[in-house]
Amino acid sequence: MLKLFYITKEPEIAQIAQKYGVDRIFADMEYIGKDLRQKGLNTVKNHHTVEDVKNLRKVLNNSQLLVRVNPINENSKKEIDSVVNAGTDIIMFPMWRTQKDAEIFLNLVNGRTKTMLLLETWDAEKNIDSVINAGGFDEIHIGLNDLSISKGKKFLFELLADGTVENLAEKFRNKNITFGFGGIGRVGSGNMLPAENIIGEHYRLGSSMAILSRAFCDSSKTASIKEIEKIFSEGMIENREYEKSLCRKNEAFFEDNHIKTAEIIKRIVEKI
């Protein structure tokens, strides 16, 4: 089963997600440079704090606590130390470009938590071999939003159709590196690019992780906690049942799903 993440700073929502089997609650402290590079785009821009991390830590006993910090800056040591002291299980490092960037981050963490590199720049993609060979990190996540922006794409999932994710996934599998990519919505939700297609691609490529996107549950637009709980109670069952069904599929199924997914992505891009 995929390790599923959900982004929230709200302890009550985190408890609901945990109750229904979300593996990691994701606090997002990254804000430096984000408004500029994602200007005009319908993307999520959070600005969670160390206090939010502490509040989440108090209510989590089954789900892990994942925190995305800022790119390396003059306050990175202080920020990483505060996140470690707040009790995070995994620190995610965004917007790195070189092996040296990753090395600086890993030295600041110094083995005190698990580490995840967020690959979301074209430079990071170009330098991935040196990063892999240097090692020292626990996991990698491919950030489709910013990586697609850096490569001049119109739609984040173009990277599934153009070979980018496929090539990176092969490198990670060859080195037995745990990885994931992008986000997924709710099975059966009827989106233009169905969650079923994306989940199938995770299984075809050997991915282990995905973020539950706003298409799964947009808590900012949901009227009540009761409705949020309903979404998680029903949606997690539906998504997990679909994952179970994939375990019985053969290679031909996944190749056909890849072709169909690429065709859907092409049609979406043509309409943009």
Protein backbone atom coordinates (compact mmCIF):
# COMPACT_ATOMS: atom_id res chain seq x y z
CA MET A 1 0.00 0.00 0.00
CA LEU A 2 1.12 3.55 -0.74
CA LYS A 3 2.18 5.68 2.22
CA LEU A 4 -0.35 8.51 2.07
CA PHE A 5 0.31 12.07 3.33
CA TYR A 6 -2.22 14.77 4.14
CA ILE A 7 -1.29 18.44 4.57
CA THR A 8 -2.88 20.21 7.53
CA LYS A 9 -1.93 22.28 10.55
CA GLU A 10 -5.22 21.57 12.34
CA PRO A 11 -4.97 18.94 15.12
CA GLU A 12 -8.65 18.01 14.80
CA ILE A 13 -8.32 17.30 11.08
CA ALA A 14 -5.03 15.49 11.67
CA GLN A 15 -6.75 13.19 14.16
CA ILE A 16 -9.45 12.37 11.62
CA ALA A 17 -6.89 11.61 8.91
CA GLN A 18 -4.95 9.43 11.36
CA LYS A 19 -8.11 7.60 12.43
CA TYR A 20 -8.83 6.51 8.86
CA GLY A 21 -5.34 5.35 8.02
CA VAL A 22 -3.41 8.30 6.61
CA ASP A 23 0.23 7.36 7.19
CA ARG A 24 1.78 10.81 7.53
CA ILE A 25 0.47 14.19 8.60
CA PHE A 26 2.30 16.87 6.65
CA ALA A 27 3.07 20.28 8.19
CA ASP A 28 4.29 22.71 5.55
CA MET A 29 6.59 25.47 6.80
CA GLU A 30 8.00 26.34 3.36
CA TYR A 31 7.24 29.87 2.17
CA ILE A 32 10.53 31.41 0.98
CA GLY A 33 10.35 32.04 -2.77
CA LYS A 34 7.09 30.16 -3.22
CA ASP A 35 4.83 33.11 -4.03
CA LEU A 36 7.20 34.29 -6.76
CA ARG A 37 7.72 31.00 -8.57
CA GLN A 38 4.04 29.96 -8.34
CA LYS A 39 2.59 33.42 -8.99
CA GLY A 40 -0.81 33.25 -10.68
CA LEU A 41 -1.10 29.48 -10.33
CA ASN A 42 -3.82 27.63 -8.43
CA THR A 43 -1.40 25.93 -6.06
CA VAL A 44 -1.45 25.47 -2.29
CA LYS A 45 0.69 27.98 -0.39
CA ASN A 46 0.90 27.21 3.33
CA HIS A 47 2.89 28.94 6.03
CA HIS A 48 2.73 26.59 8.97
CA THR A 49 4.84 27.30 12.05
CA VAL A 50 6.83 25.42 14.66
CA GLU A 51 3.89 25.93 17.03
CA ASP A 52 1.68 24.12 14.51
CA VAL A 53 4.19 21.26 14.46
CA LYS A 54 4.12 21.05 18.26
CA ASN A 55 0.32 21.02 18.30
CA LEU A 56 0.21 18.23 15.72
CA ARG A 57 2.80 16.21 17.66
CA LYS A 58 0.49 16.19 20.68
CA VAL A 59 -2.31 14.35 18.85
CA LEU A 60 -0.38 11.92 16.65
CA ASN A 61 0.29 8.40 17.91
CA ASN A 62 -0.18 6.27 14.79
CA SER A 63 0.57 8.59 11.88
CA GLN A 64 4.07 9.96 11.41
CA LEU A 65 4.72 13.70 11.46
CA LEU A 66 6.35 15.03 8.27
CA VAL A 67 7.55 18.64 8.12
CA ARG A 68 8.68 20.54 5.03
CA VAL A 69 11.18 23.24 5.94
CA ASN A 70 12.42 26.12 3.79
CA PRO A 71 15.24 25.96 1.25
CA ILE A 72 18.69 26.61 2.73
CA ASN A 73 18.92 30.15 4.07
CA GLU A 74 20.60 32.06 6.91
CA ASN A 75 18.05 30.71 9.40
CA SER A 76 18.14 27.06 8.31
CA LYS A 77 20.04 25.73 11.32
CA LYS A 78 17.65 27.42 13.74
CA GLU A 79 14.61 26.24 11.79
CA ILE A 80 15.77 22.63 11.49
CA ASP A 81 16.78 22.50 15.16
CA SER A 82 13.35 23.82 16.17
CA VAL A 83 11.56 21.26 14.00
CA VAL A 84 13.66 18.43 15.42
CA ASN A 85 12.97 19.62 18.98
CA ALA A 86 9.24 19.84 18.19
CA GLY A 87 9.22 16.09 17.58
CA THR A 88 9.00 15.65 13.82
CA ASP A 89 9.62 12.17 12.43
CA ILE A 90 10.69 13.17 8.91
CA ILE A 91 12.02 16.45 7.50
CA MET A 92 11.40 17.24 3.83
CA PHE A 93 13.97 19.46 2.07
CA PRO A 94 12.66 21.50 -0.91
CA MET A 95 14.14 23.40 -3.86
CA TRP A 96 17.65 21.93 -3.75
CA ARG A 97 19.68 21.94 -6.94
CA THR A 98 22.99 20.19 -6.29
CA GLN A 99 24.59 17.45 -4.25
CA LYS A 100 26.19 20.20 -2.16
CA ASP A 101 22.74 21.59 -1.27
CA ALA A 102 21.63 18.14 -0.12
CA GLU A 103 24.85 17.69 1.85
CA ILE A 104 24.33 20.97 3.72
CA PHE A 105 20.79 19.93 4.66
CA LEU A 106 21.82 16.45 5.79
CA ASN A 107 24.64 17.86 7.90
CA LEU A 108 22.20 20.23 9.62
CA VAL A 109 19.83 17.37 10.42
CA ASN A 110 22.77 15.19 11.49
CA GLY A 111 20.80 11.96 11.75
CA ARG A 112 18.31 13.27 14.30
CA THR A 113 15.28 12.49 12.12
CA LYS A 114 14.58 10.72 8.87
CA THR A 115 15.16 12.86 5.79
CA MET A 116 13.31 13.25 2.50
CA LEU A 117 14.67 15.16 -0.49
CA LEU A 118 11.98 16.91 -2.52
CA LEU A 119 13.11 16.84 -6.15
CA GLU A 120 11.39 19.82 -7.78
CA THR A 121 13.96 21.68 -9.89
CA TRP A 122 15.38 20.88 -13.30
CA ASP A 123 18.88 21.31 -11.87
CA ALA A 124 18.10 18.70 -9.22
CA GLU A 125 16.95 16.31 -11.95
CA LYS A 126 20.18 16.91 -13.89
CA ASN A 127 22.29 16.34 -10.77
CA ILE A 128 20.37 13.37 -9.42
CA ASP A 129 23.10 10.80 -10.13
CA SER A 130 25.63 12.58 -7.91
CA VAL A 131 22.99 12.97 -5.17
CA ILE A 132 22.09 9.30 -5.32
CA ASN A 133 25.73 8.23 -5.27
CA ALA A 134 26.48 10.44 -2.27
CA GLY A 135 23.47 9.04 -0.39
CA GLY A 136 22.85 9.82 3.26
CA PHE A 137 19.12 10.52 2.92
CA ASP A 138 16.17 8.19 3.54
CA GLU A 139 13.62 8.99 0.82
CA ILE A 140 12.96 11.11 -2.27
CA HIS A 141 9.69 12.67 -3.38
CA ILE A 142 9.24 14.11 -6.89
CA GLY A 143 7.41 17.45 -6.60
CA LEU A 144 5.50 17.62 -9.86
CA ASN A 145 4.20 21.19 -9.44
CA ASP A 146 7.50 23.02 -9.24
CA LEU A 147 9.43 20.56 -11.40
CA SER A 148 6.91 21.04 -14.20
CA ILE A 149 7.17 24.84 -13.79
CA SER A 150 10.97 24.71 -13.95
CA LYS A 151 10.77 22.67 -17.17
CA GLY A 152 8.25 25.01 -18.79
CA LYS A 153 5.36 22.56 -18.80
CA LYS A 154 1.70 23.57 -18.87
CA PHE A 155 0.39 20.77 -16.63
CA LEU A 156 2.12 19.04 -13.75
CA PHE A 157 1.22 15.52 -14.87
CA GLU A 158 2.93 16.05 -18.23
CA LEU A 159 6.00 14.69 -16.41
CA LEU A 160 4.25 11.30 -16.22
CA ALA A 161 3.72 11.29 -19.98
CA ASP A 162 7.06 12.67 -21.19
CA GLY A 163 9.31 10.12 -19.45
CA THR A 164 10.60 12.39 -16.67
CA VAL A 165 9.07 10.44 -13.78
CA GLU A 166 9.77 7.14 -15.52
CA ASN A 167 13.50 7.90 -15.88
CA LEU A 168 13.84 9.09 -12.28
CA ALA A 169 11.88 6.10 -10.97
CA GLU A 170 14.23 3.70 -12.76
CA LYS A 171 17.24 5.35 -11.14
CA PHE A 172 15.63 5.13 -7.69
CA ARG A 173 14.59 1.49 -8.12
CA ASN A 174 18.09 0.54 -9.24
CA LYS A 175 19.48 1.97 -5.98
CA ASN A 176 16.61 0.64 -3.80
CA ILE A 177 15.63 4.20 -2.86
CA THR A 178 12.15 4.71 -1.43
CA PHE A 179 10.36 7.33 -3.52
CA GLY A 180 7.01 8.84 -4.37
CA PHE A 181 5.58 11.58 -6.54
CA GLY A 182 2.74 14.05 -6.86
CA GLY A 183 -0.69 13.89 -5.36
CA ILE A 184 -3.80 11.77 -5.79
CA GLY A 185 -7.49 12.47 -5.41
CA ARG A 186 -10.38 10.23 -4.50
CA VAL A 187 -11.20 7.11 -6.50
CA GLY A 188 -14.49 7.52 -8.37
CA SER A 189 -14.51 11.29 -8.07
CA GLY A 190 -14.88 11.82 -11.79
CA ASN A 191 -11.99 14.23 -12.25
CA MET A 192 -10.70 14.88 -15.77
CA LEU A 193 -7.61 12.83 -14.85
CA PRO A 194 -9.02 10.11 -12.56
CA ALA A 195 -7.24 9.08 -9.37
CA GLU A 196 -7.41 5.48 -10.62
CA ASN A 197 -5.05 6.30 -13.48
CA ILE A 198 -2.53 8.05 -11.22
CA ILE A 199 -2.60 5.29 -8.61
CA GLY A 200 -2.01 2.77 -11.38
CA GLU A 201 1.07 4.74 -12.44
CA HIS A 202 2.41 4.66 -8.87
CA TYR A 203 2.16 0.88 -8.90
CA ARG A 204 3.66 0.52 -12.39
CA LEU A 205 6.65 2.67 -11.49
CA GLY A 206 7.30 1.19 -8.05
CA SER A 207 6.40 4.35 -6.11
CA SER A 208 5.77 4.00 -2.38
CA MET A 209 4.28 7.39 -1.47
CA ALA A 210 1.72 10.00 -2.50
CA ILE A 211 0.11 13.13 -1.10
CA LEU A 212 -3.67 13.23 -0.76
CA SER A 213 -4.49 16.34 -2.77
CA ARG A 214 -7.23 18.95 -2.55
CA ALA A 215 -9.18 16.74 -4.97
CA PHE A 216 -9.38 14.19 -2.15
CA CYS A 217 -10.32 16.64 0.62
CA ASP A 218 -10.12 20.42 0.44
CA SER A 219 -10.67 21.26 4.10
CA SER A 220 -10.66 25.00 3.34
CA LYS A 221 -13.84 24.57 1.30
CA THR A 222 -15.54 21.90 3.41
CA ALA A 223 -18.33 23.14 5.62
CA SER A 224 -17.79 21.12 8.79
CA ILE A 225 -15.58 18.69 10.66
CA LYS A 226 -18.37 16.14 10.31
CA GLU A 227 -18.19 16.43 6.53
CA ILE A 228 -14.38 16.11 6.59
CA GLU A 229 -14.69 12.93 8.64
CA LYS A 230 -17.21 11.55 6.14
CA ILE A 231 -14.80 12.26 3.26
CA PHE A 232 -11.94 10.44 4.99
CA SER A 233 -14.03 7.52 6.24
CA GLU A 234 -15.43 6.82 2.77
CA GLY A 235 -12.54 8.00 0.62
CA MET A 236 -9.80 6.06 2.36
CA ILE A 237 -11.78 2.83 2.06
CA GLU A 238 -12.41 3.45 -1.64
CA ASN A 239 -8.78 4.28 -2.39
CA ARG A 240 -7.39 1.38 -0.40
CA GLU A 241 -9.81 -1.08 -2.02
CA TYR A 242 -8.68 0.12 -5.43
CA GLU A 243 -5.06 -0.38 -4.42
CA LYS A 244 -5.85 -3.93 -3.33
CA SER A 245 -7.39 -4.61 -6.73
CA LEU A 246 -4.18 -3.48 -8.43
CA CYS A 247 -2.23 -6.21 -6.65
CA ARG A 248 -4.10 -8.73 -8.80
CA LYS A 249 -3.38 -7.00 -12.12
CA ASN A 250 -0.78 -8.13 -14.64
CA GLU A 251 1.87 -6.15 -16.49
CA ALA A 252 -0.38 -5.66 -19.52
CA PHE A 253 -2.94 -3.85 -17.37
CA PHE A 254 -0.36 -1.34 -16.16
CA GLU A 255 1.02 -0.72 -19.63
CA ASP A 256 -2.49 -0.10 -20.93
CA ASN A 257 -3.19 2.25 -18.00
CA HIS A 258 0.00 4.17 -18.81
CA ILE A 259 -1.04 4.63 -22.44
CA LYS A 260 -4.54 5.77 -21.45
CA THR A 261 -3.13 8.14 -18.83
CA ALA A 262 -0.75 9.71 -21.35
CA GLU A 263 -3.64 10.20 -23.78
CA ILE A 264 -5.76 11.93 -21.12
CA ILE A 265 -2.82 14.18 -20.19
CA LYS A 266 -2.29 15.10 -23.85
CA ARG A 267 -5.95 16.11 -24.22
CA ILE A 268 -5.78 18.23 -21.05
CA VAL A 269 -2.62 20.01 -22.23
CA GLU A 270 -4.22 20.74 -25.62
CA LYS A 271 -7.10 22.51 -23.87
CA ILE A 272 -4.85 24.70 -21.69
